[in-house]
Amino acid sequence: MTEPTKRIDCLKCRHYYVTWDPSFPRGCRAFGFKTQTMPSVAVLSSSGKPCMNFEPKAKPRA
């Protein structure tokens, strides 16, 4: 039996960005691509492994 993979939240990753391209609205600077889905979903579907480049965003200073 396979173990379920932990879903990575791209919105909390420092490499995630909004491309403003209507065809490919989401992007990943670490991997250098734009996609229609969340980048972590694209990485998982293409490689079969969860994203290894996830880095949490820096917390804003108060």
PDB file of N, CA and C in Angstrom:
ATOM      1  N   MET A   1       0.839  -1.175   0.000  1.00  0.00           N
ATOM      2  CA  MET A   1       0.000   0.000   0.000  1.00  0.00           C
ATOM      3  C   MET A   1       0.888   1.244   0.000  1.00  0.00           C
ATOM      4  N   THR A   2       0.550   2.209  -0.826  1.00  0.00           N
ATOM      5  CA  THR A   2       1.364   3.422  -0.887  1.00  0.00           C
ATOM      6  C   THR A   2       0.921   4.416   0.176  1.00  0.00           C
ATOM      7  N   GLU A   3       1.884   5.164   0.650  1.00  0.00           N
ATOM      8  CA  GLU A   3       1.607   6.173   1.661  1.00  0.00           C
ATOM      9  C   GLU A   3       1.142   7.450   0.965  1.00  0.00           C
ATOM     10  N   PRO A   4       0.069   8.096   1.454  1.00  0.00           N
ATOM     11  CA  PRO A   4      -0.382   9.323   0.799  1.00  0.00           C
ATOM     12  C   PRO A   4       0.670  10.425   0.923  1.00  0.00           C
ATOM     13  N   THR A   5       0.824  11.194  -0.154  1.00  0.00           N
ATOM     14  CA  THR A   5       1.817  12.262  -0.133  1.00  0.00           C
ATOM     15  C   THR A   5       1.223  13.509   0.507  1.00  0.00           C
ATOM     16  N   LYS A   6       2.061  14.237   1.210  1.00  0.00           N
ATOM     17  CA  LYS A   6       1.634  15.475   1.847  1.00  0.00           C
ATOM     18  C   LYS A   6       1.504  16.539   0.761  1.00  0.00           C
ATOM     19  N   ARG A   7       0.377  17.209   0.709  1.00  0.00           N
ATOM     20  CA  ARG A   7       0.154  18.233  -0.311  1.00  0.00           C
ATOM     21  C   ARG A   7       0.920  19.498   0.055  1.00  0.00           C
ATOM     22  N   ILE A   8       1.625  20.023  -0.905  1.00  0.00           N
ATOM     23  CA  ILE A   8       2.421  21.226  -0.703  1.00  0.00           C
ATOM     24  C   ILE A   8       1.593  22.437  -1.119  1.00  0.00           C
ATOM     25  N   ASP A   9       1.549  23.454  -0.264  1.00  0.00           N
ATOM     26  CA  ASP A   9       0.791  24.671  -0.532  1.00  0.00           C
ATOM     27  C   ASP A   9       1.695  25.692  -1.214  1.00  0.00           C
ATOM     28  N   CYS A  10       1.556  25.811  -2.520  1.00  0.00           N
ATOM     29  CA  CYS A  10       2.401  26.729  -3.293  1.00  0.00           C
ATOM     30  C   CYS A  10       2.228  28.180  -2.855  1.00  0.00           C
ATOM     31  N   LEU A  11       1.057  28.531  -2.354  1.00  0.00           N
ATOM     32  CA  LEU A  11       0.823  29.908  -1.933  1.00  0.00           C
ATOM     33  C   LEU A  11       1.731  30.313  -0.774  1.00  0.00           C
ATOM     34  N   LYS A  12       2.272  29.346  -0.072  1.00  0.00           N
ATOM     35  CA  LYS A  12       3.174  29.623   1.050  1.00  0.00           C
ATOM     36  C   LYS A  12       4.640  29.459   0.671  1.00  0.00           C
ATOM     37  N   CYS A  13       4.909  29.222  -0.613  1.00  0.00           N
ATOM     38  CA  CYS A  13       6.279  29.002  -1.085  1.00  0.00           C
ATOM     39  C   CYS A  13       6.861  30.281  -1.669  1.00  0.00           C
ATOM     40  N   ARG A  14       8.120  30.522  -1.407  1.00  0.00           N
ATOM     41  CA  ARG A  14       8.769  31.747  -1.898  1.00  0.00           C
ATOM     42  C   ARG A  14       8.998  31.722  -3.412  1.00  0.00           C
ATOM     43  N   HIS A  15       8.910  30.567  -4.046  1.00  0.00           N
ATOM     44  CA  HIS A  15       9.140  30.451  -5.488  1.00  0.00           C
ATOM     45  C   HIS A  15       7.868  30.612  -6.323  1.00  0.00           C
ATOM     46  N   TYR A  16       6.709  30.575  -5.673  1.00  0.00           N
ATOM     47  CA  TYR A  16       5.432  30.703  -6.384  1.00  0.00           C
ATOM     48  C   TYR A  16       5.204  32.155  -6.805  1.00  0.00           C
ATOM     49  N   TYR A  17       4.634  32.333  -8.001  1.00  0.00           N
ATOM     50  CA  TYR A  17       4.258  33.679  -8.425  1.00  0.00           C
ATOM     51  C   TYR A  17       3.067  33.632  -9.373  1.00  0.00           C
ATOM     52  N   VAL A  18       2.359  34.754  -9.467  1.00  0.00           N
ATOM     53  CA  VAL A  18       1.248  34.910 -10.399  1.00  0.00           C
ATOM     54  C   VAL A  18       1.826  35.472 -11.689  1.00  0.00           C
ATOM     55  N   THR A  19       1.563  34.816 -12.806  1.00  0.00           N
ATOM     56  CA  THR A  19       2.176  35.201 -14.077  1.00  0.00           C
ATOM     57  C   THR A  19       1.395  36.280 -14.819  1.00  0.00           C
ATOM     58  N   TRP A  20       0.113  36.421 -14.549  1.00  0.00           N
ATOM     59  CA  TRP A  20      -0.796  37.322 -15.257  1.00  0.00           C
ATOM     60  C   TRP A  20      -0.993  36.902 -16.711  1.00  0.00           C
ATOM     61  N   ASP A  21      -0.590  35.692 -17.053  1.00  0.00           N
ATOM     62  CA  ASP A  21      -0.851  35.111 -18.372  1.00  0.00           C
ATOM     63  C   ASP A  21      -2.144  34.303 -18.236  1.00  0.00           C
ATOM     64  N   PRO A  22      -3.225  34.694 -18.922  1.00  0.00           N
ATOM     65  CA  PRO A  22      -4.496  33.986 -18.757  1.00  0.00           C
ATOM     66  C   PRO A  22      -4.417  32.483 -19.056  1.00  0.00           C
ATOM     67  N   SER A  23      -3.536  32.079 -19.951  1.00  0.00           N
ATOM     68  CA  SER A  23      -3.412  30.660 -20.291  1.00  0.00           C
ATOM     69  C   SER A  23      -2.653  29.873 -19.230  1.00  0.00           C
ATOM     70  N   PHE A  24      -1.690  30.519 -18.588  1.00  0.00           N
ATOM     71  CA  PHE A  24      -0.855  29.869 -17.575  1.00  0.00           C
ATOM     72  C   PHE A  24      -0.682  30.834 -16.398  1.00  0.00           C
ATOM     73  N   PRO A  25      -1.687  30.922 -15.518  1.00  0.00           N
ATOM     74  CA  PRO A  25      -1.688  31.958 -14.484  1.00  0.00           C
ATOM     75  C   PRO A  25      -0.773  31.731 -13.284  1.00  0.00           C
ATOM     76  N   ARG A  26      -0.227  30.543 -13.124  1.00  0.00           N
ATOM     77  CA  ARG A  26       0.604  30.253 -11.951  1.00  0.00           C
ATOM     78  C   ARG A  26       1.991  29.815 -12.391  1.00  0.00           C
ATOM     79  N   GLY A  27       3.004  30.185 -11.602  1.00  0.00           N
ATOM     80  CA  GLY A  27       4.362  29.829 -11.983  1.00  0.00           C
ATOM     81  C   GLY A  27       5.233  29.455 -10.808  1.00  0.00           C
ATOM     82  N   CYS A  28       6.355  28.819 -11.124  1.00  0.00           N
ATOM     83  CA  CYS A  28       7.353  28.425 -10.131  1.00  0.00           C
ATOM     84  C   CYS A  28       8.715  28.921 -10.611  1.00  0.00           C
ATOM     85  N   ARG A  29       9.313  29.813  -9.838  1.00  0.00           N
ATOM     86  CA  ARG A  29      10.628  30.343 -10.214  1.00  0.00           C
ATOM     87  C   ARG A  29      11.730  29.302 -10.010  1.00  0.00           C
ATOM     88  N   ALA A  30      11.572  28.415  -9.045  1.00  0.00           N
ATOM     89  CA  ALA A  30      12.596  27.400  -8.773  1.00  0.00           C
ATOM     90  C   ALA A  30      12.748  26.449  -9.958  1.00  0.00           C
ATOM     91  N   PHE A  31      11.626  26.024 -10.533  1.00  0.00           N
ATOM     92  CA  PHE A  31      11.667  25.110 -11.669  1.00  0.00           C
ATOM     93  C   PHE A  31      11.611  25.844 -13.002  1.00  0.00           C
ATOM     94  N   GLY A  32      11.214  27.114 -12.982  1.00  0.00           N
ATOM     95  CA  GLY A  32      11.191  27.911 -14.201  1.00  0.00           C
ATOM     96  C   GLY A  32      10.083  27.550 -15.170  1.00  0.00           C
ATOM     97  N   PHE A  33       8.863  27.356 -14.670  1.00  0.00           N
ATOM     98  CA  PHE A  33       7.757  27.071 -15.576  1.00  0.00           C
ATOM     99  C   PHE A  33       6.482  27.759 -15.125  1.00  0.00           C
ATOM    100  N   LYS A  34       5.535  27.885 -16.087  1.00  0.00           N
ATOM    101  CA  LYS A  34       4.199  28.409 -15.827  1.00  0.00           C
ATOM    102  C   LYS A  34       3.215  27.276 -16.091  1.00  0.00           C
ATOM    103  N   THR A  35       2.085  27.291 -15.369  1.00  0.00           N
ATOM    104  CA  THR A  35       1.128  26.203 -15.491  1.00  0.00           C
ATOM    105  C   THR A  35      -0.291  26.684 -15.216  1.00  0.00           C
ATOM    106  N   GLN A  36      -1.267  25.884 -15.629  1.00  0.00           N
ATOM    107  CA  GLN A  36      -2.667  26.193 -15.347  1.00  0.00           C
ATOM    108  C   GLN A  36      -3.052  25.752 -13.942  1.00  0.00           C
ATOM    109  N   THR A  37      -2.414  24.719 -13.440  1.00  0.00           N
ATOM    110  CA  THR A  37      -2.700  24.210 -12.098  1.00  0.00           C
ATOM    111  C   THR A  37      -1.660  24.750 -11.121  1.00  0.00           C
ATOM    112  N   MET A  38      -1.792  24.379  -9.866  1.00  0.00           N
ATOM    113  CA  MET A  38      -0.765  24.766  -8.900  1.00  0.00           C
ATOM    114  C   MET A  38       0.529  24.056  -9.290  1.00  0.00           C
ATOM    115  N   PRO A  39       1.664  24.732  -9.218  1.00  0.00           N
ATOM    116  CA  PRO A  39       2.931  24.119  -9.620  1.00  0.00           C
ATOM    117  C   PRO A  39       3.241  22.810  -8.892  1.00  0.00           C
ATOM    118  N   SER A  40       2.892  22.705  -7.620  1.00  0.00           N
ATOM    119  CA  SER A  40       3.181  21.463  -6.891  1.00  0.00           C
ATOM    120  C   SER A  40       2.401  20.282  -7.467  1.00  0.00           C
ATOM    121  N   VAL A  41       1.204  20.536  -7.966  1.00  0.00           N
ATOM    122  CA  VAL A  41       0.398  19.485  -8.595  1.00  0.00           C
ATOM    123  C   VAL A  41       1.041  19.065  -9.915  1.00  0.00           C
ATOM    124  N   ALA A  42       1.533  20.033 -10.674  1.00  0.00           N
ATOM    125  CA  ALA A  42       2.203  19.730 -11.945  1.00  0.00           C
ATOM    126  C   ALA A  42       3.472  18.917 -11.717  1.00  0.00           C
ATOM    127  N   VAL A  43       4.234  19.270 -10.688  1.00  0.00           N
ATOM    128  CA  VAL A  43       5.466  18.532 -10.371  1.00  0.00           C
ATOM    129  C   VAL A  43       5.128  17.103  -9.960  1.00  0.00           C
ATOM    130  N   LEU A  44       4.138  16.940  -9.100  1.00  0.00           N
ATOM    131  CA  LEU A  44       3.745  15.605  -8.643  1.00  0.00           C
ATOM    132  C   LEU A  44       3.245  14.744  -9.800  1.00  0.00           C
ATOM    133  N   SER A  45       2.445  15.319 -10.693  1.00  0.00           N
ATOM    134  CA  SER A  45       1.914  14.518 -11.802  1.00  0.00           C
ATOM    135  C   SER A  45       2.985  14.163 -12.831  1.00  0.00           C
ATOM    136  N   SER A  46       3.976  15.024 -13.012  1.00  0.00           N
ATOM    137  CA  SER A  46       5.003  14.730 -14.018  1.00  0.00           C
ATOM    138  C   SER A  46       6.137  13.858 -13.488  1.00  0.00           C
ATOM    139  N   SER A  47       6.490  14.024 -12.213  1.00  0.00           N
ATOM    140  CA  SER A  47       7.623  13.264 -11.677  1.00  0.00           C
ATOM    141  C   SER A  47       7.208  12.118 -10.761  1.00  0.00           C
ATOM    142  N   GLY A  48       5.984  12.200 -10.234  1.00  0.00           N
ATOM    143  CA  GLY A  48       5.535  11.180  -9.295  1.00  0.00           C
ATOM    144  C   GLY A  48       6.044  11.419  -7.883  1.00  0.00           C
ATOM    145  N   LYS A  49       6.755  12.519  -7.680  1.00  0.00           N
ATOM    146  CA  LYS A  49       7.301  12.857  -6.363  1.00  0.00           C
ATOM    147  C   LYS A  49       6.841  14.255  -5.980  1.00  0.00           C
ATOM    148  N   PRO A  50       6.666  14.508  -4.678  1.00  0.00           N
ATOM    149  CA  PRO A  50       6.288  15.859  -4.265  1.00  0.00           C
ATOM    150  C   PRO A  50       7.414  16.852  -4.532  1.00  0.00           C
ATOM    151  N   CYS A  51       7.066  18.104  -4.623  1.00  0.00           N
ATOM    152  CA  CYS A  51       8.037  19.166  -4.912  1.00  0.00           C
ATOM    153  C   CYS A  51       9.142  19.188  -3.859  1.00  0.00           C
ATOM    154  N   MET A  52      10.376  19.181  -4.328  1.00  0.00           N
ATOM    155  CA  MET A  52      11.528  19.192  -3.421  1.00  0.00           C
ATOM    156  C   MET A  52      12.114  20.593  -3.257  1.00  0.00           C
ATOM    157  N   ASN A  53      11.574  21.579  -3.986  1.00  0.00           N
ATOM    158  CA  ASN A  53      12.104  22.943  -3.920  1.00  0.00           C
ATOM    159  C   ASN A  53      11.265  23.871  -3.057  1.00  0.00           C
ATOM    160  N   PHE A  54      10.316  23.335  -2.304  1.00  0.00           N
ATOM    161  CA  PHE A  54       9.477  24.182  -1.456  1.00  0.00           C
ATOM    162  C   PHE A  54      10.324  24.869  -0.390  1.00  0.00           C
ATOM    163  N   GLU A  55      10.174  26.190  -0.309  1.00  0.00           N
ATOM    164  CA  GLU A  55      10.807  26.989   0.742  1.00  0.00           C
ATOM    165  C   GLU A  55       9.746  27.945   1.263  1.00  0.00           C
ATOM    166  N   PRO A  56       9.481  27.946   2.566  1.00  0.00           N
ATOM    167  CA  PRO A  56       8.449  28.848   3.093  1.00  0.00           C
ATOM    168  C   PRO A  56       8.813  30.310   2.858  1.00  0.00           C
ATOM    169  N   LYS A  57       7.789  31.117   2.634  1.00  0.00           N
ATOM    170  CA  LYS A  57       8.008  32.556   2.474  1.00  0.00           C
ATOM    171  C   LYS A  57       8.499  33.134   3.795  1.00  0.00           C
ATOM    172  N   ALA A  58       9.280  34.192   3.701  1.00  0.00           N
ATOM    173  CA  ALA A  58       9.731  34.881   4.902  1.00  0.00           C
ATOM    174  C   ALA A  58       8.525  35.551   5.552  1.00  0.00           C
ATOM    175  N   LYS A  59       8.461  35.477   6.855  1.00  0.00           N
ATOM    176  CA  LYS A  59       7.349  36.104   7.564  1.00  0.00           C
ATOM    177  C   LYS A  59       7.547  37.617   7.554  1.00  0.00           C
ATOM    178  N   PRO A  60       6.473  38.369   7.317  1.00  0.00           N
ATOM    179  CA  PRO A  60       6.607  39.827   7.293  1.00  0.00           C
ATOM    180  C   PRO A  60       6.974  40.368   8.675  1.00  0.00           C
ATOM    181  N   ARG A  61       7.786  41.384   8.655  1.00  0.00           N
ATOM    182  CA  ARG A  61       8.180  42.010   9.923  1.00  0.00           C
ATOM    183  C   ARG A  61       7.063  42.914  10.406  1.00  0.00           C
ATOM    184  N   ALA A  62       6.882  42.937  11.693  1.00  0.00           N
ATOM    185  CA  ALA A  62       5.805  43.746  12.278  1.00  0.00           C
ATOM    186  C   ALA A  62       6.201  45.187  12.437  1.00  0.00           C
TER     187      ALA A  62
END
